[in-house]
Amino acid sequence: MNQKKEEIYTDMEQAPPTGANPDQESWATALRMLDSMRGTCGVEEAMEDKQAVWDKVSSGIAGTGSFRYKTPRWFFPIITGVAATLIFGLLTGLLTYRAGYTSGTGQIARNNIEVAVPMGATTSLTLPDGTEITLNGGSRLVYPAFFGRERWVELDGEAVFDVEADPGCPFTVRSPGVDILVTGTVFTLKSYRNDPVVSVVLERGEVRALIGKGPHAESVSLYPGQQMLFHRETGEISRLQTEPARAAAWTEGMFYFRSTPLEDICRQLERRFGVEIEIESRELARKVYHTQFESHESLYEILDVLSYKNRWEAVTDGRKIKIRSVP
């Protein structure tokens, strides 16, 4: 082969394949796929990438079939607009890019990107509009590769959002039981599907939380320094003053517990350290704590402090920790 792999990619960026005249959106999507394919590959594999992109454009023009491109070859996939980091030496996210065409029309179907963060890790990313998000362990985020007339994401987990301002195009975060509407602001949302309480803490700007669906949905507006708590089982909604930095302390590896039940503390420790914690009794699980921990403190140091004079102990069994009462 006479071409170097860099020349192959350069040729592809300059023009669509001979005889093809795709619309601007189709060609933009093809180039986005090309960006995701770049990596430590050889010339032959670069040629395969070239053919895959050209096939995608051709199939889109003809309106036949669908396309799902191959998993990237390199160790940690990079998707345009997504910046992922490594925390605690683990891969911080599983990113899946799904692409396709609407059969018979030649129009590109909306592409969704999914980011799944394993326990014991965090991930930071940037959306197509410039919005920045930091995801906590055990979180799952879905968003479109391209924002059109509306901006939206779906979250099952915990995240800090720094939303790019665009008054003409509001930003919506959809989560289990609660939707958040904003235009440009900074806030923390914790809405794990299996957690009993949803928390929204506003640092800057203004947000509106919608609880429930349809005409009976309840709307709650928040202002900087306020927190909303929604109890899933009872439907109770409360709003209180708080310190936004504490709600986002997990991004720095820190914990702030204020009248926090042990079961909630253990869920946060599981997400931070990637372990499973089992509490022996409901009485222990409901015991509340008022304390804080720094980023350098280990899991066992934290458990030692929590158990001190509280008549329980933490017993390790592999990656599982059991909390049980002691005489």
Protein backbone atom coordinates (compact mmCIF):
# COMPACT_ATOMS: atom_id res chain seq x y z
CA MET A 1 0.00 0.00 0.00
CA ASN A 2 1.30 3.43 -0.97
CA GLN A 3 -0.78 5.47 1.48
CA LYS A 4 0.07 5.97 5.11
CA LYS A 5 -2.77 5.60 7.59
CA GLU A 6 -2.73 9.35 8.39
CA GLU A 7 -3.23 10.08 4.67
CA ILE A 8 -6.17 7.67 4.53
CA TYR A 9 -7.99 9.50 7.33
CA THR A 10 -7.13 12.88 5.79
CA ASP A 11 -8.62 11.83 2.43
CA MET A 12 -11.82 10.74 4.14
CA GLU A 13 -12.21 14.07 5.93
CA GLN A 14 -11.91 16.07 2.72
CA ALA A 15 -14.71 14.61 0.63
CA PRO A 16 -17.36 11.84 0.49
CA PRO A 17 -16.79 8.82 -1.73
CA THR A 18 -16.89 9.25 -5.50
CA GLY A 19 -20.44 9.48 -6.84
CA ALA A 20 -21.98 10.08 -3.38
CA ASN A 21 -23.73 13.32 -2.48
CA PRO A 22 -24.92 12.90 1.10
CA ASP A 23 -26.74 15.63 2.99
CA GLN A 24 -24.75 17.63 5.50
CA GLU A 25 -26.13 15.73 8.50
CA SER A 26 -25.27 12.34 6.97
CA TRP A 27 -21.70 13.33 6.18
CA ALA A 28 -21.24 14.92 9.62
CA THR A 29 -22.31 11.66 11.25
CA ALA A 30 -19.92 9.69 9.05
CA LEU A 31 -17.04 11.94 10.10
CA ARG A 32 -18.04 11.54 13.76
CA MET A 33 -17.79 7.80 13.30
CA LEU A 34 -14.39 8.28 11.67
CA ASP A 35 -13.19 10.25 14.71
CA SER A 36 -14.25 7.41 17.00
CA MET A 37 -12.26 4.92 14.90
CA ARG A 38 -8.90 6.65 15.08
CA GLY A 39 -6.39 4.81 17.21
CA THR A 40 -3.26 2.70 17.27
CA CYS A 41 -4.06 0.69 14.17
CA GLY A 42 -2.21 -0.32 11.04
CA VAL A 43 -2.71 0.74 7.43
CA GLU A 44 -4.91 -2.26 6.57
CA GLU A 45 -7.22 -1.55 9.50
CA ALA A 46 -7.38 2.13 8.52
CA MET A 47 -8.51 1.04 5.06
CA GLU A 48 -11.21 -1.09 6.71
CA ASP A 49 -12.35 2.00 8.61
CA LYS A 50 -12.45 3.93 5.35
CA GLN A 51 -14.62 1.31 3.68
CA ALA A 52 -16.93 1.13 6.71
CA VAL A 53 -17.54 4.89 6.65
CA TRP A 54 -18.13 4.91 2.90
CA ASP A 55 -20.53 1.98 3.19
CA LYS A 56 -22.41 3.87 5.88
CA VAL A 57 -22.80 6.97 3.72
CA SER A 58 -23.83 4.88 0.69
CA SER A 59 -26.42 2.88 2.64
CA GLY A 60 -27.81 6.10 4.07
CA ILE A 61 -28.23 7.59 0.60
CA ALA A 62 -29.84 4.45 -0.76
CA GLY A 63 -32.09 4.17 2.28
CA THR A 64 -31.43 0.46 2.67
CA GLY A 65 -30.62 -1.51 5.74
CA SER A 66 -28.98 -0.29 8.92
CA PHE A 67 -25.44 0.05 10.18
CA ARG A 68 -23.74 -0.58 13.51
CA TYR A 69 -20.03 -0.03 13.42
CA LYS A 70 -17.50 -2.27 15.05
CA THR A 71 -16.19 -1.76 18.56
CA PRO A 72 -13.03 0.43 18.47
CA ARG A 73 -9.77 -1.49 18.70
CA TRP A 74 -7.93 0.57 21.25
CA PHE A 75 -7.85 0.04 25.02
CA PHE A 76 -10.14 2.90 26.08
CA PRO A 77 -12.69 4.15 23.48
CA ILE A 78 -12.96 7.86 22.81
CA ILE A 79 -16.22 9.30 21.50
CA THR A 80 -16.27 12.87 20.23
CA GLY A 81 -17.62 15.15 22.95
CA VAL A 82 -16.91 12.64 25.72
CA ALA A 83 -13.88 13.13 27.96
CA ALA A 84 -13.42 10.17 30.33
CA THR A 85 -10.93 9.95 33.17
CA LEU A 86 -9.41 7.13 35.20
CA ILE A 87 -10.22 7.03 38.92
CA PHE A 88 -8.65 4.55 41.30
CA GLY A 89 -6.94 2.80 38.42
CA LEU A 90 -10.21 1.52 36.93
CA LEU A 91 -11.87 2.21 33.62
CA THR A 92 -14.35 4.89 34.56
CA GLY A 93 -17.05 4.26 32.02
CA LEU A 94 -18.50 1.92 29.47
CA LEU A 95 -19.41 4.00 26.45
CA THR A 96 -21.69 2.57 23.79
CA TYR A 97 -22.44 4.40 20.54
CA ARG A 98 -25.44 3.16 18.62
CA ALA A 99 -26.05 4.40 15.07
CA GLY A 100 -28.61 3.52 12.39
CA TYR A 101 -30.77 4.69 9.52
CA THR A 102 -34.51 4.92 9.14
CA SER A 103 -35.31 2.21 6.62
CA GLY A 104 -36.51 3.46 3.23
CA THR A 105 -35.96 7.18 3.86
CA GLY A 106 -32.22 7.67 3.86
CA GLN A 107 -32.50 9.85 6.98
CA ILE A 108 -30.23 9.19 9.92
CA ALA A 109 -32.03 8.02 13.05
CA ARG A 110 -31.17 9.81 16.29
CA ASN A 111 -27.99 8.40 17.76
CA ASN A 112 -27.80 7.82 21.50
CA ILE A 113 -24.66 7.54 23.57
CA GLU A 114 -24.68 5.61 26.84
CA VAL A 115 -22.17 6.04 29.65
CA ALA A 116 -22.20 3.44 32.44
CA VAL A 117 -19.88 4.04 35.39
CA PRO A 118 -18.72 1.02 37.44
CA MET A 119 -18.81 1.03 41.22
CA GLY A 120 -15.68 2.55 42.74
CA ALA A 121 -15.14 5.05 39.91
CA THR A 122 -16.25 8.44 38.61
CA THR A 123 -16.39 9.80 35.05
CA SER A 124 -16.36 13.32 33.60
CA LEU A 125 -17.68 14.13 30.13
CA THR A 126 -18.75 16.99 27.91
CA LEU A 127 -22.00 16.94 25.91
CA PRO A 128 -22.35 18.22 22.32
CA ASP A 129 -23.61 21.62 23.58
CA GLY A 130 -20.68 22.13 25.96
CA THR A 131 -22.51 21.02 29.12
CA GLU A 132 -20.11 19.35 31.56
CA ILE A 133 -21.13 16.37 33.72
CA THR A 134 -19.38 14.36 36.43
CA LEU A 135 -20.93 10.95 37.15
CA ASN A 136 -20.63 8.97 40.37
CA GLY A 137 -20.09 5.21 40.62
CA GLY A 138 -23.01 2.99 39.62
CA SER A 139 -24.51 5.73 37.41
CA ARG A 140 -25.89 5.42 33.89
CA LEU A 141 -26.35 8.36 31.51
CA VAL A 142 -27.96 8.34 28.05
CA TYR A 143 -27.95 11.34 25.68
CA PRO A 144 -28.19 12.01 21.93
CA ALA A 145 -25.02 12.43 19.89
CA PHE A 146 -26.60 15.55 18.37
CA PHE A 147 -28.91 18.03 20.09
CA GLY A 148 -31.71 19.30 17.88
CA ARG A 149 -34.68 21.40 18.98
CA GLU A 150 -34.37 20.12 22.53
CA ARG A 151 -31.57 19.17 24.88
CA TRP A 152 -32.10 16.14 27.10
CA VAL A 153 -30.31 13.41 29.01
CA GLU A 154 -31.51 10.40 31.02
CA LEU A 155 -29.85 9.70 34.36
CA ASP A 156 -30.08 6.75 36.71
CA GLY A 157 -27.53 7.63 39.38
CA GLU A 158 -25.75 10.71 40.71
CA ALA A 159 -24.17 13.55 38.78
CA VAL A 160 -22.98 17.14 38.97
CA PHE A 161 -24.24 19.18 35.99
CA ASP A 162 -22.73 22.42 34.68
CA VAL A 163 -25.26 23.20 31.98
CA GLU A 164 -24.32 25.46 29.07
CA ALA A 165 -26.73 28.40 28.95
CA ASP A 166 -29.17 28.50 26.02
CA PRO A 167 -32.45 30.27 26.94
CA GLY A 168 -34.00 29.29 23.63
CA CYS A 169 -33.34 25.59 24.19
CA PRO A 170 -34.03 24.39 27.76
CA PHE A 171 -32.11 21.44 29.14
CA THR A 172 -33.99 18.47 30.64
CA VAL A 173 -32.64 15.74 32.89
CA ARG A 174 -34.98 12.75 33.00
CA SER A 175 -34.58 10.46 35.99
CA PRO A 176 -36.70 7.82 37.77
CA GLY A 177 -39.65 9.74 39.23
CA VAL A 178 -38.22 13.27 38.81
CA ASP A 179 -37.39 15.45 35.79
CA ILE A 180 -35.21 18.57 36.09
CA LEU A 181 -35.70 21.55 33.74
CA VAL A 182 -32.92 24.17 33.40
CA THR A 183 -31.51 26.69 30.91
CA GLY A 184 -28.00 27.21 32.28
CA THR A 185 -26.97 26.33 35.82
CA VAL A 186 -24.88 24.16 38.16
CA PHE A 187 -26.58 21.53 40.30
CA THR A 188 -26.18 18.05 41.78
CA LEU A 189 -28.81 15.37 41.20
CA LYS A 190 -28.89 12.05 43.02
CA SER A 191 -31.58 9.77 41.63
CA TYR A 192 -30.57 6.12 41.75
CA ARG A 193 -33.52 3.96 40.76
CA ASN A 194 -33.25 1.80 43.89
CA ASP A 195 -32.64 4.61 46.39
CA PRO A 196 -35.65 5.70 48.50
CA VAL A 197 -34.85 9.43 48.23
CA VAL A 198 -34.14 11.73 45.27
CA SER A 199 -31.98 14.78 46.04
CA VAL A 200 -31.48 17.95 44.00
CA VAL A 201 -29.03 20.61 45.24
CA LEU A 202 -28.65 23.88 43.35
CA GLU A 203 -25.35 25.75 43.34
CA ARG A 204 -25.96 28.40 40.67
CA GLY A 205 -28.84 29.52 38.47
CA GLU A 206 -32.36 28.13 38.78
CA VAL A 207 -33.95 24.73 38.27
CA ARG A 208 -37.48 23.38 38.24
CA ALA A 209 -38.13 19.83 39.41
CA LEU A 210 -41.16 17.96 38.09
CA ILE A 211 -42.32 15.10 40.31
CA GLY A 212 -44.64 12.60 38.66
CA LYS A 213 -46.06 12.60 35.15
CA GLY A 214 -48.96 14.15 33.29
CA PRO A 215 -51.38 16.83 34.53
CA HIS A 216 -50.88 15.81 38.17
CA ALA A 217 -47.11 16.37 38.15
CA GLU A 218 -45.91 18.65 40.93
CA SER A 219 -43.47 21.45 40.16
CA VAL A 220 -40.84 22.68 42.64
CA SER A 221 -38.53 25.62 41.87
CA LEU A 222 -35.12 25.84 43.54
CA TYR A 223 -32.73 28.72 44.03
CA PRO A 224 -28.99 28.71 44.88
CA GLY A 225 -28.23 27.10 48.22
CA GLN A 226 -31.47 25.09 48.29
CA GLN A 227 -32.02 21.33 48.31
CA MET A 228 -35.11 19.37 47.37
CA LEU A 229 -35.74 15.89 48.77
CA PHE A 230 -38.38 13.59 47.28
CA HIS A 231 -39.26 10.44 49.23
CA ARG A 232 -40.41 7.86 46.72
CA GLU A 233 -42.45 5.68 49.09
CA THR A 234 -44.43 8.42 50.83
CA GLY A 235 -44.42 11.05 48.07
CA GLU A 236 -43.20 13.60 50.60
CA ILE A 237 -41.37 16.62 49.17
CA SER A 238 -39.22 18.92 51.29
CA ARG A 239 -37.07 21.95 50.51
CA LEU A 240 -34.29 23.22 52.77
CA GLN A 241 -31.19 25.38 52.84
CA THR A 242 -27.86 23.59 52.41
CA GLU A 243 -24.25 23.98 51.30
CA PRO A 244 -24.00 22.93 47.60
CA ALA A 245 -20.30 22.08 47.91
CA ARG A 246 -21.13 19.29 50.33
CA ALA A 247 -23.55 17.64 47.92
CA ALA A 248 -20.76 17.51 45.32
CA ALA A 249 -18.03 16.52 47.80
CA TRP A 250 -17.87 12.99 46.34
CA THR A 251 -16.23 14.45 43.21
CA GLU A 252 -13.22 15.17 45.46
CA GLY A 253 -13.45 11.84 47.27
CA MET A 254 -14.95 13.40 50.42
CA PHE A 255 -18.04 12.55 52.49
CA TYR A 256 -20.35 14.84 54.47
CA PHE A 257 -22.97 13.04 56.55
CA ARG A 258 -25.66 15.13 58.27
CA SER A 259 -28.30 13.09 60.12
CA THR A 260 -27.62 10.35 57.57
CA PRO A 261 -28.86 6.78 58.22
CA LEU A 262 -26.20 4.04 58.17
CA GLU A 263 -27.93 2.34 55.22
CA ASP A 264 -27.55 5.50 53.11
CA ILE A 265 -23.93 5.87 54.23
CA CYS A 266 -23.23 2.27 53.17
CA ARG A 267 -24.73 2.87 49.72
CA GLN A 268 -22.37 5.82 49.26
CA LEU A 269 -19.40 3.76 50.46
CA GLU A 270 -20.30 0.98 48.01
CA ARG A 271 -20.26 3.42 45.10
CA ARG A 272 -17.00 5.00 46.20
CA PHE A 273 -15.02 1.86 47.02
CA GLY A 274 -16.67 -0.72 44.73
CA VAL A 275 -17.68 -3.13 47.51
CA GLU A 276 -20.91 -4.71 48.74
CA ILE A 277 -22.03 -3.93 52.30
CA GLU A 278 -24.73 -5.86 54.12
CA ILE A 279 -26.29 -4.58 57.37
CA GLU A 280 -27.50 -7.26 59.77
CA SER A 281 -30.59 -5.51 61.15
CA ARG A 282 -33.02 -2.69 60.43
CA GLU A 283 -32.17 -1.13 63.77
CA LEU A 284 -28.55 -0.72 62.73
CA ALA A 285 -29.50 0.41 59.23
CA ARG A 286 -31.61 3.29 60.57
CA LYS A 287 -29.02 4.60 63.01
CA VAL A 288 -28.09 8.16 61.97
CA TYR A 289 -24.66 9.82 61.90
CA HIS A 290 -23.35 13.36 61.79
CA THR A 291 -19.74 13.35 60.62
CA GLN A 292 -17.42 13.84 57.65
CA PHE A 293 -14.40 12.12 56.06
CA GLU A 294 -11.52 13.32 53.91
CA SER A 295 -10.44 11.85 50.57
CA HIS A 296 -7.32 10.17 51.99
CA GLU A 297 -9.27 8.05 54.51
CA SER A 298 -9.72 4.40 53.55
CA LEU A 299 -12.91 2.37 53.71
CA TYR A 300 -11.75 0.56 56.84
CA GLU A 301 -10.75 3.79 58.56
CA ILE A 302 -14.24 5.15 57.87
CA LEU A 303 -15.93 2.00 59.18
CA ASP A 304 -13.74 2.06 62.30
CA VAL A 305 -14.82 5.62 63.06
CA LEU A 306 -18.50 4.88 62.43
CA SER A 307 -18.49 1.76 64.60
CA TYR A 308 -16.58 3.32 67.50
CA LYS A 309 -18.74 3.07 70.64
CA ASN A 310 -21.76 2.12 68.50
CA ARG A 311 -21.74 -1.61 69.36
CA TRP A 312 -21.31 -3.00 65.87
CA GLU A 313 -18.43 -4.32 63.80
CA ALA A 314 -17.62 -4.74 60.12
CA VAL A 315 -16.52 -8.23 59.06
CA THR A 316 -14.92 -8.75 55.65
CA ASP A 317 -15.87 -11.74 53.51
CA GLY A 318 -14.11 -11.39 50.15
CA ARG A 319 -15.46 -8.22 48.51
CA LYS A 320 -18.49 -8.31 50.78
CA ILE A 321 -18.60 -6.55 54.14
CA LYS A 322 -21.10 -7.52 56.81
CA ILE A 323 -22.08 -5.10 59.56
CA ARG A 324 -23.31 -6.91 62.65
CA SER A 325 -24.11 -6.08 66.26
CA VAL A 326 -21.71 -6.92 69.07
CA PRO A 327 -22.53 -7.28 72.78
